[in-house]
Protein backbone atom coordinates (compact mmCIF):
# COMPACT_ATOMS: atom_id res chain seq x y z
CA UNK A 1 65.77 85.40 48.37
CA UNK A 2 69.13 87.23 48.49
CA UNK A 3 69.71 85.94 52.02
CA UNK A 4 68.80 82.45 50.80
CA UNK A 5 71.33 82.71 47.98
CA UNK A 6 74.07 83.83 50.39
CA UNK A 7 73.42 80.81 52.56
CA UNK A 8 73.52 78.54 49.50
CA UNK A 9 76.85 80.00 48.33
CA UNK A 10 78.33 79.52 51.81
CA UNK A 11 77.21 75.89 51.83
CA UNK A 12 78.71 75.43 48.36
CA UNK A 13 82.08 76.69 49.58
CA UNK A 14 82.07 74.20 52.44
CA UNK A 15 80.98 71.46 50.03
CA UNK A 16 83.96 72.33 47.81
CA UNK A 17 86.30 71.94 50.79
CA UNK A 18 84.89 68.49 51.44
CA UNK A 19 85.23 67.45 47.79
CA UNK A 20 88.83 68.67 47.69
CA UNK A 21 89.49 66.74 50.87
CA UNK A 22 88.26 63.53 49.27
CA UNK A 23 89.61 63.83 45.76
CA UNK A 24 92.55 66.27 45.63
CA UNK A 25 95.92 64.60 44.87
CA UNK A 26 97.60 67.28 47.02
CA UNK A 27 95.72 66.51 50.24
CA UNK A 28 97.59 63.34 51.18
CA UNK A 29 99.70 65.07 53.83
CA UNK A 30 98.57 63.92 57.32
CA UNK A 31 98.94 67.47 58.68
CA UNK A 32 96.87 69.01 55.87
CA UNK A 33 94.37 66.20 56.10
CA UNK A 34 93.88 66.80 59.83
CA UNK A 35 93.49 70.57 59.35
CA UNK A 36 90.91 70.17 56.59
CA UNK A 37 88.96 67.64 58.63
CA UNK A 38 88.80 70.04 61.57
CA UNK A 39 87.72 72.91 59.32
CA UNK A 40 85.07 70.73 57.73
CA UNK A 41 83.70 69.63 61.13
CA UNK A 42 83.59 73.21 62.38
CA UNK A 43 81.76 74.34 59.25
CA UNK A 44 79.24 71.55 59.60
CA UNK A 45 78.68 72.42 63.30
CA UNK A 46 78.23 76.07 62.32
CA UNK A 47 75.61 75.09 59.76
CA UNK A 48 73.79 72.86 62.24
CA UNK A 49 73.66 75.61 64.87
CA UNK A 50 72.96 78.68 62.73
CA UNK A 51 71.16 77.23 59.69
CA UNK A 52 69.69 73.84 60.74
CA UNK A 53 67.40 73.62 57.72
CA UNK A 54 70.22 74.15 55.26
CA UNK A 55 72.37 71.73 57.23
CA UNK A 56 69.77 69.03 56.59
CA UNK A 57 69.63 69.96 52.89
CA UNK A 58 73.42 69.95 52.65
CA UNK A 59 73.72 66.45 54.14
CA UNK A 60 70.80 65.24 51.98
CA UNK A 61 72.51 66.59 48.87
CA UNK A 62 75.86 65.00 49.69
CA UNK A 63 74.26 61.67 50.51
CA UNK A 64 72.11 61.89 47.37
CA UNK A 65 75.11 62.33 45.08
CA UNK A 66 76.89 59.49 46.87
CA UNK A 67 73.91 57.16 46.31
CA UNK A 68 73.63 58.31 42.71
CA UNK A 69 77.31 57.57 42.01
CA UNK A 70 76.89 54.15 43.62
CA UNK A 71 73.93 53.49 41.33
CA UNK A 72 75.94 54.56 38.29
CA UNK A 73 78.78 52.19 39.21
CA UNK A 74 76.40 49.27 39.86
CA UNK A 75 74.38 49.86 36.68
CA UNK A 76 77.61 50.06 34.66
CA UNK A 77 78.62 46.69 36.07
CA UNK A 78 75.20 45.22 35.20
CA UNK A 79 75.35 46.57 31.66
CA UNK A 80 78.86 45.17 31.14
CA UNK A 81 77.59 41.82 32.32
CA UNK A 82 74.63 42.06 29.92
CA UNK A 83 76.93 42.90 27.02
CA UNK A 84 79.37 40.08 27.87
CA UNK A 85 76.66 37.43 28.18
CA UNK A 86 74.45 38.92 25.43
CA UNK A 87 71.48 39.32 27.79
CA UNK A 88 68.37 41.50 27.59
CA UNK A 89 67.63 43.41 30.78
CA UNK A 90 64.39 41.43 31.17
CA UNK A 91 66.50 38.27 31.53
CA UNK A 92 68.38 39.58 34.56
CA UNK A 93 67.88 38.37 38.16
CA UNK A 94 65.27 40.22 40.19
CA UNK A 95 67.50 42.62 42.13
CA UNK A 96 69.56 43.62 39.10
CA UNK A 97 66.48 44.11 36.93
CA UNK A 98 64.77 46.21 39.61
CA UNK A 99 67.87 48.39 40.06
CA UNK A 100 68.07 48.97 36.30
CA UNK A 101 64.36 49.87 36.02
CA UNK A 102 64.49 52.26 38.99
CA UNK A 103 67.72 53.80 37.71
CA UNK A 104 66.14 54.58 34.35
CA UNK A 105 63.16 56.15 36.10
CA UNK A 106 65.43 58.29 38.28
CA UNK A 107 67.53 59.43 35.32
CA UNK A 108 64.53 61.19 33.83
CA UNK A 109 64.88 63.66 36.70
CA UNK A 110 68.61 63.27 37.35
CA UNK A 111 69.83 64.44 33.94
CA UNK A 112 68.35 67.96 34.21
CA UNK A 113 69.60 68.17 37.80
CA UNK A 114 73.15 67.23 36.80
CA UNK A 115 73.13 69.71 33.90
CA UNK A 116 72.01 72.49 36.23
CA UNK A 117 74.79 71.56 38.69
CA UNK A 118 77.63 71.90 36.16
CA UNK A 119 78.32 75.68 36.19
CA UNK A 120 80.36 77.22 39.04
CA UNK A 121 78.36 77.91 42.20
CA UNK A 122 75.35 76.16 40.66
CA UNK A 123 75.11 73.96 43.72
CA UNK A 124 73.46 76.93 45.44
CA UNK A 125 70.77 77.03 42.76
CA UNK A 126 70.22 73.29 43.21
CA UNK A 127 69.73 73.83 46.94
CA UNK A 128 67.13 76.51 46.20
CA UNK A 129 65.32 74.08 43.91
CA UNK A 130 65.42 71.49 46.68
CA UNK A 131 63.63 74.00 48.91
CA UNK A 132 61.03 75.13 46.39
CA UNK A 133 60.23 72.11 44.18
CA UNK A 134 61.68 68.94 45.75
CA UNK A 135 58.92 66.58 44.63
CA UNK A 136 58.79 67.81 41.03
CA UNK A 137 62.49 68.31 40.25
CA UNK A 138 64.34 65.86 42.49
CA UNK A 139 64.03 62.14 43.14
CA UNK A 140 64.33 59.68 46.03
CA UNK A 141 68.11 60.01 46.56
CA UNK A 142 67.74 63.75 47.26
CA UNK A 143 64.72 63.56 49.59
CA UNK A 144 64.93 63.61 53.35
CA UNK A 145 63.19 60.72 55.17
CA UNK A 146 60.34 63.08 56.09
CA UNK A 147 59.94 64.14 52.46
CA UNK A 148 59.93 60.53 51.29
CA UNK A 149 57.05 59.67 53.62
CA UNK A 150 55.15 62.84 52.70
CA UNK A 151 55.55 62.39 48.93
CA UNK A 152 54.67 58.71 49.17
CA UNK A 153 51.39 59.63 50.85
CA UNK A 154 50.66 62.33 48.24
CA UNK A 155 51.25 59.83 45.42
CA UNK A 156 49.03 57.27 47.13
CA UNK A 157 46.16 59.76 47.54
CA UNK A 158 46.40 60.81 43.87
CA UNK A 159 46.56 57.20 42.75
CA UNK A 160 43.50 56.30 44.83
CA UNK A 161 41.49 59.11 43.25
CA UNK A 162 42.41 58.00 39.75
CA UNK A 163 41.71 54.36 40.59
CA UNK A 164 38.16 55.32 41.61
CA UNK A 165 37.77 56.90 38.16
CA UNK A 166 39.20 53.77 36.51
CA UNK A 167 36.57 51.63 38.26
CA UNK A 168 33.81 54.01 37.15
CA UNK A 169 35.14 53.89 33.57
CA UNK A 170 35.13 50.06 33.68
CA UNK A 171 31.47 50.09 34.76
CA UNK A 172 30.62 52.32 31.80
CA UNK A 173 32.32 49.83 29.45
CA UNK A 174 30.30 46.84 30.80
CA UNK A 175 27.43 47.17 28.24
CA UNK A 176 29.95 46.89 25.39
CA UNK A 177 31.67 43.65 26.46
CA UNK A 178 30.57 40.14 25.53
CA UNK A 179 27.36 38.92 27.14
CA UNK A 180 29.09 35.88 28.66
CA UNK A 181 31.43 37.98 30.81
CA UNK A 182 29.27 41.06 31.35
CA UNK A 183 27.86 39.89 34.68
CA UNK A 184 31.25 38.82 36.06
CA UNK A 185 32.84 42.19 35.25
CA UNK A 186 29.91 44.15 36.71
CA UNK A 187 29.95 42.08 39.91
CA UNK A 188 33.71 42.52 40.25
CA UNK A 189 33.59 46.31 39.79
CA UNK A 190 30.60 46.66 42.13
CA UNK A 191 32.37 44.61 44.78
CA UNK A 192 35.49 46.77 44.64
CA UNK A 193 33.47 50.00 44.61
CA UNK A 194 31.60 48.77 47.69
CA UNK A 195 34.91 48.52 49.58
CA UNK A 196 35.55 44.77 49.39
CA UNK A 197 38.93 43.33 48.41
CA UNK A 198 38.38 40.78 45.59
CA UNK A 199 39.87 37.31 45.33
CA UNK A 200 42.42 36.55 42.64
CA UNK A 201 40.06 33.94 41.16
CA UNK A 202 37.45 36.67 40.57
CA UNK A 203 39.95 38.70 38.56
CA UNK A 204 40.94 35.58 36.61
CA UNK A 205 37.27 35.05 35.74
CA UNK A 206 37.26 38.19 33.54
CA UNK A 207 40.69 37.60 32.06
CA UNK A 208 39.43 36.96 28.51
CA UNK A 209 37.81 40.41 28.37
CA UNK A 210 41.20 42.11 28.30
CA UNK A 211 42.33 40.24 25.18
CA UNK A 212 39.70 41.76 22.88
CA UNK A 213 37.89 45.08 22.32
CA UNK A 214 36.98 47.31 24.08
CA UNK A 215 39.41 46.47 26.92
CA UNK A 216 42.35 45.33 24.81
CA UNK A 217 45.35 47.63 25.15
CA UNK A 218 45.14 48.90 21.57
CA UNK A 219 41.43 49.70 21.92
CA UNK A 220 41.40 51.69 25.15
CA UNK A 221 40.23 55.30 24.84
CA UNK A 222 42.75 58.13 25.40
CA UNK A 223 40.98 59.17 28.63
CA UNK A 224 41.11 55.61 29.98
CA UNK A 225 44.79 55.33 29.04
CA UNK A 226 45.61 58.50 30.94
CA UNK A 227 43.81 57.21 34.01
CA UNK A 228 45.85 54.00 33.87
CA UNK A 229 49.00 56.05 33.40
CA UNK A 230 48.33 57.85 36.68
CA UNK A 231 49.36 54.64 38.47
CA UNK A 232 52.90 55.00 37.09
CA UNK A 233 55.35 57.90 36.74
CA UNK A 234 54.12 58.43 33.16
CA UNK A 235 53.62 61.85 31.55
CA UNK A 236 49.93 61.48 30.71
CA UNK A 237 49.56 64.70 28.70
CA UNK A 238 51.64 63.25 25.86
CA UNK A 239 49.75 62.12 22.71
CA UNK A 240 47.72 58.97 23.34
CA UNK A 241 49.88 56.73 21.12
CA UNK A 242 52.97 57.66 23.17
CA UNK A 243 51.10 57.07 26.44
CA UNK A 244 49.94 53.68 25.13
CA UNK A 245 53.48 52.71 24.13
CA UNK A 246 54.91 53.85 27.45
CA UNK A 247 52.26 52.00 29.44
CA UNK A 248 52.88 48.82 27.45
CA UNK A 249 56.61 49.05 28.21
CA UNK A 250 55.93 49.67 31.92
CA UNK A 251 53.52 46.73 32.09
CA UNK A 252 55.96 44.37 30.36
CA UNK A 253 58.79 45.48 32.68
CA UNK A 254 56.55 44.74 35.65
CA UNK A 255 55.53 41.39 34.18
CA UNK A 256 59.13 40.20 33.77
CA UNK A 257 60.06 41.65 37.15
CA UNK A 258 57.29 39.56 38.70
CA UNK A 259 58.59 36.43 36.98
CA UNK A 260 62.09 37.12 38.30
CA UNK A 261 60.65 37.68 41.78
CA UNK A 262 58.71 34.42 41.59
CA UNK A 263 61.94 32.63 40.61
CA UNK A 264 63.84 34.27 43.50
CA UNK A 265 61.12 33.61 46.08
CA UNK A 266 59.45 36.04 48.48
CA UNK A 267 61.27 34.44 51.41
CA UNK A 268 64.55 35.80 50.00
CA UNK A 269 63.43 39.43 50.29
CA UNK A 270 64.23 41.65 53.25
CA UNK A 271 61.40 43.61 54.85
CA UNK A 272 62.60 46.80 53.13
CA UNK A 273 62.73 45.06 49.73
CA UNK A 274 59.23 43.70 50.30
CA UNK A 275 57.88 47.16 51.04
CA UNK A 276 59.64 48.56 47.97
CA UNK A 277 58.07 45.81 45.86
CA UNK A 278 54.60 46.75 47.15
CA UNK A 279 55.20 50.45 46.47
CA UNK A 280 56.36 49.70 42.94
CA UNK A 281 53.08 47.84 42.27
CA UNK A 282 50.81 50.53 43.65
CA UNK A 283 50.27 49.57 47.30
CA UNK A 284 50.93 52.05 50.10
CA UNK A 285 53.30 49.81 52.10
CA UNK A 286 53.73 52.41 54.86
CA UNK A 287 50.22 51.51 56.05
CA UNK A 288 50.85 47.74 56.03
CA UNK A 289 52.49 45.29 58.40
CA UNK A 290 55.20 42.92 57.16
CA UNK A 291 52.74 40.02 57.00
CA UNK A 292 50.25 42.12 55.01
CA UNK A 293 52.97 43.09 52.52
CA UNK A 294 53.91 39.46 52.03
CA UNK A 295 50.28 38.34 51.70
CA UNK A 296 49.51 40.97 49.07
CA UNK A 297 52.65 40.12 47.08
CA UNK A 298 51.62 36.46 47.08
CA UNK A 299 48.20 37.40 45.72
CA UNK A 300 49.75 39.64 43.10
CA UNK A 301 52.25 37.00 41.93
CA UNK A 302 49.46 34.42 41.81
CA UNK A 303 47.80 36.62 39.20
CA UNK A 304 50.72 38.19 37.32
CA UNK A 305 52.78 35.03 36.78
CA UNK A 306 49.86 33.63 34.74
CA UNK A 307 49.48 36.77 32.62
CA UNK A 308 50.79 36.62 29.04
CA UNK A 309 52.62 39.39 27.19
CA UNK A 310 49.49 40.09 25.15
CA UNK A 311 47.49 40.74 28.33
CA UNK A 312 49.17 43.93 29.53
CA UNK A 313 45.75 45.58 29.85
CA UNK A 314 44.76 42.97 32.45
CA UNK A 315 47.93 43.67 34.46
CA UNK A 316 47.34 47.43 34.45
CA UNK A 317 43.72 47.09 35.53
CA UNK A 318 44.70 44.56 38.21
CA UNK A 319 46.78 47.27 39.88
CA UNK A 320 43.45 48.99 40.57
CA UNK A 321 41.36 45.91 41.35
CA UNK A 322 43.84 44.35 43.80
CA UNK A 323 45.14 47.50 45.53
CA UNK A 324 42.10 49.78 45.88
CA UNK A 325 40.74 48.12 49.06
CA UNK A 326 43.90 46.61 50.50
CA UNK A 327 44.30 45.88 53.33
CA UNK A 328 40.74 44.50 53.70
CA UNK A 329 38.76 45.93 56.57
CA UNK A 330 38.12 43.36 59.30
CA UNK A 331 34.64 43.44 60.78
């Protein structure tokens, strides 16, 4: 650990040189600028040769702070625009609304990280945290590409396990729903549990069940709420009323984001934006082709754009019903 700390302090010193190079009012001299650039390049080469792992972490950290500052500037611009035009964030265009929602999610982790980074030489401690607990304490800006793929797969596996429990919980609720819809719900759950991807029309057929007890949002049991919360970055060990409120907010954000996406049009999204949209809605886009991503988003929008604000329970359960067996297995 002592050797690790020494490496972190050394990296911090080189990071300070780079910051001074970029922001110091006394570094405008061409001679001084050239000297500092050479020193910085030599230090980076030294890190790459002697400490390749810390070199990767160093570059990841610098890039992460750069992306974070860019987000702060862009979100500030969006908020000024909202204040000027007296807009709610759910009235924003798709890309601006998505950036604002993701920024708020990232800030839950970013604020503690920034507080830890304030004291002198604290950047070394941050680097140690990046080594030990990157998934728990950091967020996407401070992950290497390899970590992003690894953590995405871990989240997908955990979500799949909880979705299997959600389906089982729905089957247990079947005897308590209205007789008219009991058979439709049982057939839908059995079909998904058997490994078949359902049609959107089959989900629409049980839509009325999620407007009244026992599947209405206000009537769901604490255990069922926590299972639904596992599909989002929600702290599920909070009291049930806080989990319910947080899930309702998440579902409404997703609902208005879908409406903005429908207004924009899927054909306006880049491939990367399409994959991000799938990930945000619970689909492991790394296992899908571009055409599969687009097809699933069309199915999802076909359902969600018809969902009302009072039907947030339907939207949350649809994340399980429409993602659990996608892509469908071809026989």
